[in-house]
């Protein structure tokens, strides 16, 4: 993997997920007042819950929104996305094209991965009902419990569904923030938004899936991607709705048809990877 342009950044992202999986325990639901601890999507949890300090680590919460097998590659506070993105284009100094590509890829916020099951647990993306990959919360759940309630969760074209989940707010160590901070500092950029040492995630205890057709309506927007060993084009990134199979499949076709495809070393989706050896999961997590 030494010829992958962004190896250290991808390795650091993987360590965040490994930390979440390692910290997962199937906690029993505590008795609590869910009226105060019920959140309508990821933005509500981040702002009313975490920022306003209405919930703390160890609290049991309820979450209503989109749950998906696609998780944010670099989990972070979505309310810092704009500051991070603006900082990338407002600095003085010199930087190589390759260094800028790494910074741009990291700052983009909406790149995603689908890992599949990891040693009996599964990483889940938690979003607003009409979700965007760059605005989510990370979740972890027992794979066996998950499949009892959503049997097609690992189907190739499954993007997610609307559900109500309950779980425990927890923290896992992050690595990608430290790696990216060094990259930004080298470029002469101050990135104060990613100085946190840990990131909130939810240890999921229960899932209630909506049955009514009107209640089930939802969508998910984000970026499929691949990483290459070509310094002229380190990343192949597309943008589309995962809730539209034909649209996301067209994104993948565009990636595969790229002139840099022969240099691809990492692919975002463990289930749709053209070659298992290219899978992010296979290379960085398992």
Protein backbone atom coordinates (compact mmCIF):
# COMPACT_ATOMS: atom_id res chain seq x y z
CA UNK A 1 0.00 0.00 0.00
CA UNK A 2 3.00 2.30 -0.03
CA UNK A 3 2.05 3.59 -3.49
CA UNK A 4 -1.34 4.96 -2.41
CA UNK A 5 -1.11 8.74 -2.36
CA UNK A 6 -3.16 9.24 0.81
CA UNK A 7 -2.16 6.11 2.73
CA UNK A 8 -1.63 7.78 6.13
CA UNK A 9 -4.95 9.62 5.91
CA UNK A 10 -6.88 6.46 4.98
CA UNK A 11 -5.11 4.42 7.68
CA UNK A 12 -6.05 7.06 10.25
CA UNK A 13 -9.69 7.00 9.16
CA UNK A 14 -9.73 3.23 9.56
CA UNK A 15 -8.36 3.49 13.11
CA UNK A 16 -11.33 5.68 14.04
CA UNK A 17 -13.72 2.94 12.93
CA UNK A 18 -11.69 0.22 14.62
CA UNK A 19 -11.84 2.25 17.84
CA UNK A 20 -15.62 2.46 17.60
CA UNK A 21 -15.98 -1.27 16.97
CA UNK A 22 -13.60 -2.11 19.82
CA UNK A 23 -15.57 0.07 22.21
CA UNK A 24 -18.94 -1.41 21.30
CA UNK A 25 -20.89 -3.29 23.94
CA UNK A 26 -24.51 -4.26 23.65
CA UNK A 27 -25.70 -2.07 26.50
CA UNK A 28 -29.17 -2.58 27.89
CA UNK A 29 -31.46 0.41 27.55
CA UNK A 30 -31.44 2.47 30.72
CA UNK A 31 -34.62 3.90 32.19
CA UNK A 32 -34.72 7.51 31.09
CA UNK A 33 -36.86 10.37 29.92
CA UNK A 34 -36.70 10.15 26.16
CA UNK A 35 -38.78 13.30 25.73
CA UNK A 36 -35.67 15.37 26.41
CA UNK A 37 -33.29 12.91 24.77
CA UNK A 38 -35.15 12.28 21.49
CA UNK A 39 -33.56 13.84 18.42
CA UNK A 40 -34.89 14.46 14.94
CA UNK A 41 -31.92 13.57 12.76
CA UNK A 42 -28.20 14.18 13.03
CA UNK A 43 -28.29 17.99 12.99
CA UNK A 44 -30.68 18.04 15.91
CA UNK A 45 -28.45 15.69 17.91
CA UNK A 46 -25.32 17.69 17.17
CA UNK A 47 -26.83 21.10 17.92
CA UNK A 48 -29.56 20.68 20.55
CA UNK A 49 -27.99 17.62 22.10
CA UNK A 50 -24.19 17.89 21.97
CA UNK A 51 -23.50 21.60 21.41
CA UNK A 52 -26.15 22.77 23.87
CA UNK A 53 -24.98 20.09 26.35
CA UNK A 54 -28.42 18.55 26.80
CA UNK A 55 -26.85 15.09 26.55
CA UNK A 56 -23.52 13.76 27.74
CA UNK A 57 -21.39 10.70 27.14
CA UNK A 58 -23.10 7.68 28.65
CA UNK A 59 -26.64 9.03 28.21
CA UNK A 60 -29.26 6.94 26.46
CA UNK A 61 -30.87 8.72 23.54
CA UNK A 62 -33.50 8.12 20.88
CA UNK A 63 -32.80 9.13 17.29
CA UNK A 64 -35.26 9.42 14.42
CA UNK A 65 -33.77 9.62 10.95
CA UNK A 66 -32.05 7.74 8.15
CA UNK A 67 -29.85 4.76 9.04
CA UNK A 68 -27.48 3.62 6.33
CA UNK A 69 -24.64 1.18 5.59
CA UNK A 70 -22.74 4.18 4.17
CA UNK A 71 -20.72 6.05 6.79
CA UNK A 72 -18.68 9.23 6.58
CA UNK A 73 -15.03 8.45 5.80
CA UNK A 74 -13.85 11.20 8.17
CA UNK A 75 -16.51 11.46 10.92
CA UNK A 76 -16.67 14.94 12.42
CA UNK A 77 -18.90 17.76 13.64
CA UNK A 78 -20.92 18.84 10.55
CA UNK A 79 -21.33 22.36 11.92
CA UNK A 80 -17.60 22.88 11.29
CA UNK A 81 -17.74 21.87 7.62
CA UNK A 82 -18.01 25.41 6.23
CA UNK A 83 -15.10 26.76 8.30
CA UNK A 84 -12.92 23.85 7.25
CA UNK A 85 -13.79 24.22 3.58
CA UNK A 86 -13.25 27.99 3.56
CA UNK A 87 -9.85 27.63 5.25
CA UNK A 88 -8.69 25.48 2.36
CA UNK A 89 -9.09 28.34 -0.09
CA UNK A 90 -7.93 31.20 2.11
CA UNK A 91 -4.23 30.84 2.82
CA UNK A 92 -0.96 32.29 1.62
CA UNK A 93 1.95 30.09 0.79
CA UNK A 94 3.01 27.34 -1.56
CA UNK A 95 1.70 23.80 -1.70
CA UNK A 96 2.15 20.99 -4.19
CA UNK A 97 -0.78 19.74 -6.25
CA UNK A 98 -0.57 16.38 -4.50
CA UNK A 99 -0.64 17.96 -1.04
CA UNK A 100 -3.60 20.10 -2.04
CA UNK A 101 -5.47 17.05 -3.35
CA UNK A 102 -5.04 15.33 0.02
CA UNK A 103 -6.27 18.41 1.88
CA UNK A 104 -9.20 18.87 -0.50
CA UNK A 105 -10.20 15.22 -0.18
CA UNK A 106 -10.12 15.46 3.61
CA UNK A 107 -11.97 18.77 3.77
CA UNK A 108 -14.73 17.63 1.43
CA UNK A 109 -16.61 15.85 4.24
CA UNK A 110 -19.01 13.83 2.06
CA UNK A 111 -16.77 10.94 0.96
CA UNK A 112 -18.21 7.68 2.22
CA UNK A 113 -17.39 4.02 2.76
CA UNK A 114 -19.48 0.88 3.15
CA UNK A 115 -17.59 -1.66 5.24
CA UNK A 116 -19.93 -4.63 5.58
CA UNK A 117 -19.94 -6.58 8.85
CA UNK A 118 -16.79 -6.36 10.97
CA UNK A 119 -16.27 -9.27 13.38
CA UNK A 120 -19.91 -9.40 14.44
CA UNK A 121 -20.54 -5.64 14.49
CA UNK A 122 -21.55 -3.17 11.80
CA UNK A 123 -20.78 0.51 11.31
CA UNK A 124 -23.88 2.55 10.52
CA UNK A 125 -24.32 6.08 9.24
CA UNK A 126 -27.03 8.08 11.04
CA UNK A 127 -28.42 11.05 9.10
CA UNK A 128 -31.35 13.37 8.69
CA UNK A 129 -34.30 11.76 6.96
CA UNK A 130 -33.24 13.40 3.70
CA UNK A 131 -29.61 12.84 4.42
CA UNK A 132 -26.22 14.04 3.27
CA UNK A 133 -23.09 12.02 4.01
CA UNK A 134 -21.25 15.11 5.28
CA UNK A 135 -23.85 15.74 7.98
CA UNK A 136 -24.10 12.56 10.01
CA UNK A 137 -23.26 10.66 13.18
CA UNK A 138 -21.47 7.32 13.41
CA UNK A 139 -23.25 4.33 14.93
CA UNK A 140 -22.26 0.75 15.81
CA UNK A 141 -24.62 -2.20 16.20
CA UNK A 142 -24.56 -5.98 16.55
CA UNK A 143 -24.75 -7.46 13.05
CA UNK A 144 -27.03 -10.31 14.11
CA UNK A 145 -29.48 -7.90 15.77
CA UNK A 146 -29.34 -5.60 12.75
CA UNK A 147 -30.18 -8.34 10.27
CA UNK A 148 -33.15 -9.50 12.36
CA UNK A 149 -34.74 -6.10 11.86
CA UNK A 150 -33.35 -5.16 8.43
CA UNK A 151 -32.62 -8.43 6.55
CA UNK A 152 -31.55 -6.67 3.34
CA UNK A 153 -29.10 -4.28 5.01
CA UNK A 154 -26.19 -5.84 3.10
CA UNK A 155 -27.97 -6.01 -0.24
CA UNK A 156 -25.87 -4.36 -2.94
CA UNK A 157 -28.36 -1.59 -3.77
CA UNK A 158 -29.60 -0.95 -0.22
CA UNK A 159 -28.79 2.65 0.78
CA UNK A 160 -30.72 2.92 4.06
CA UNK A 161 -34.15 3.52 5.51
CA UNK A 162 -35.91 5.71 8.02
CA UNK A 163 -36.04 4.28 11.52
CA UNK A 164 -36.08 5.18 15.19
CA UNK A 165 -33.10 3.89 17.11
CA UNK A 166 -32.10 4.04 20.74
CA UNK A 167 -28.59 3.76 22.07
CA UNK A 168 -25.84 5.10 24.29
CA UNK A 169 -23.86 8.19 23.34
CA UNK A 170 -20.17 7.24 23.48
CA UNK A 171 -16.78 8.45 22.28
CA UNK A 172 -14.06 6.75 20.27
CA UNK A 173 -10.52 8.00 19.68
CA UNK A 174 -9.98 9.71 16.33
CA UNK A 175 -6.80 9.48 14.33
CA UNK A 176 -7.67 11.27 11.10
CA UNK A 177 -7.85 14.66 12.84
CA UNK A 178 -4.22 14.42 13.96
CA UNK A 179 -2.98 13.36 10.53
CA UNK A 180 -4.94 16.09 8.77
CA UNK A 181 -3.80 18.71 11.28
CA UNK A 182 -0.19 17.99 10.36
CA UNK A 183 -1.03 18.24 6.68
CA UNK A 184 -2.74 21.60 7.11
CA UNK A 185 0.09 22.95 9.27
CA UNK A 186 2.63 21.98 6.64
CA UNK A 187 0.64 24.03 4.15
CA UNK A 188 0.56 26.99 6.52
CA UNK A 189 -3.13 26.58 7.33
CA UNK A 190 -4.74 26.82 10.75
CA UNK A 191 -7.41 24.17 11.18
CA UNK A 192 -8.78 24.73 14.67
CA UNK A 193 -12.01 22.90 13.88
CA UNK A 194 -10.45 19.44 14.00
CA UNK A 195 -8.48 19.58 17.24
CA UNK A 196 -10.84 17.26 19.10
CA UNK A 197 -9.32 14.04 20.41
CA UNK A 198 -12.47 11.94 20.37
CA UNK A 199 -15.66 11.84 18.35
CA UNK A 200 -19.20 11.04 19.56
CA UNK A 201 -20.88 7.95 18.21
CA UNK A 202 -23.89 5.86 19.22
CA UNK A 203 -23.82 2.31 20.54
CA UNK A 204 -27.17 1.21 19.14
CA UNK A 205 -29.40 -0.98 21.28
CA UNK A 206 -32.69 -1.08 19.39
CA UNK A 207 -34.18 -0.35 15.98
CA UNK A 208 -37.79 0.38 15.08
CA UNK A 209 -38.40 0.48 11.33
CA UNK A 210 -41.25 2.58 9.95
CA UNK A 211 -43.87 0.57 8.05
CA UNK A 212 -46.16 3.21 6.54
CA UNK A 213 -45.16 4.05 2.97
CA UNK A 214 -45.35 7.81 3.56
CA UNK A 215 -43.24 7.53 6.72
CA UNK A 216 -40.61 5.47 4.88
CA UNK A 217 -39.75 8.09 2.26
CA UNK A 218 -36.09 9.25 2.56
CA UNK A 219 -32.96 9.92 0.49
CA UNK A 220 -29.16 10.05 0.81
CA UNK A 221 -26.63 12.20 -1.05
CA UNK A 222 -22.85 11.83 -1.01
CA UNK A 223 -19.63 10.97 -2.82
CA UNK A 224 -18.37 7.57 -3.96
CA UNK A 225 -14.61 7.62 -4.51
CA UNK A 226 -11.42 5.73 -5.24
CA UNK A 227 -7.80 6.49 -4.29
CA UNK A 228 -4.98 6.04 -6.79
CA UNK A 229 -1.20 5.91 -7.01
CA UNK A 230 -1.24 8.59 -9.72
CA UNK A 231 0.10 11.88 -8.36
CA UNK A 232 -1.66 13.78 -11.15
CA UNK A 233 -5.05 12.46 -10.03
CA UNK A 234 -4.81 10.99 -6.49
CA UNK A 235 -8.58 10.69 -6.02
CA UNK A 236 -11.48 9.89 -8.29
CA UNK A 237 -14.59 11.41 -6.71
CA UNK A 238 -18.18 11.51 -7.95
CA UNK A 239 -21.32 13.01 -6.43
CA UNK A 240 -24.77 11.49 -6.41
CA UNK A 241 -27.81 10.10 -4.64
CA UNK A 242 -27.24 6.67 -3.13
CA UNK A 243 -31.03 6.45 -2.94
CA UNK A 244 -31.09 6.40 -6.76
CA UNK A 245 -29.45 3.11 -7.89
CA UNK A 246 -29.05 4.15 -11.52
CA UNK A 247 -27.46 7.46 -10.51
CA UNK A 248 -24.94 5.92 -8.12
CA UNK A 249 -24.12 3.12 -10.56
CA UNK A 250 -23.40 5.79 -13.17
CA UNK A 251 -21.02 7.45 -10.69
CA UNK A 252 -19.17 4.15 -10.34
CA UNK A 253 -19.04 3.73 -14.12
CA UNK A 254 -17.45 7.16 -14.40
CA UNK A 255 -14.81 6.21 -11.82
CA UNK A 256 -14.02 2.93 -13.60
CA UNK A 257 -13.90 4.70 -16.98
CA UNK A 258 -11.41 7.30 -15.74
CA UNK A 259 -7.98 7.39 -17.35
CA UNK A 260 -6.53 6.88 -13.86
CA UNK A 261 -8.52 3.70 -13.13
CA UNK A 262 -5.47 1.52 -13.84
CA UNK A 263 -3.78 3.31 -10.91
CA UNK A 264 -6.64 2.79 -8.43
CA UNK A 265 -5.57 1.14 -5.18
CA UNK A 266 -8.55 1.73 -2.86
CA UNK A 267 -12.30 1.59 -3.55
CA UNK A 268 -14.92 2.93 -1.14
CA UNK A 269 -17.53 0.14 -1.23
CA UNK A 270 -16.78 -3.37 0.07
CA UNK A 271 -19.88 -4.76 -1.67
CA UNK A 272 -19.43 -3.13 -5.09
CA UNK A 273 -15.66 -3.18 -5.32
CA UNK A 274 -14.61 -4.52 -8.76
CA UNK A 275 -11.81 -6.39 -7.01
CA UNK A 276 -11.82 -7.44 -3.35
CA UNK A 277 -8.17 -6.44 -3.05
CA UNK A 278 -9.17 -2.80 -3.68
CA UNK A 279 -11.69 -2.68 -0.83
CA UNK A 280 -11.03 -0.10 1.90
CA UNK A 281 -12.33 -2.62 4.43
CA UNK A 282 -10.02 -5.37 3.23
CA UNK A 283 -6.92 -3.18 3.25
CA UNK A 284 -7.36 -0.99 6.32
CA UNK A 285 -9.75 -2.65 8.77
CA UNK A 286 -9.80 -6.45 8.56
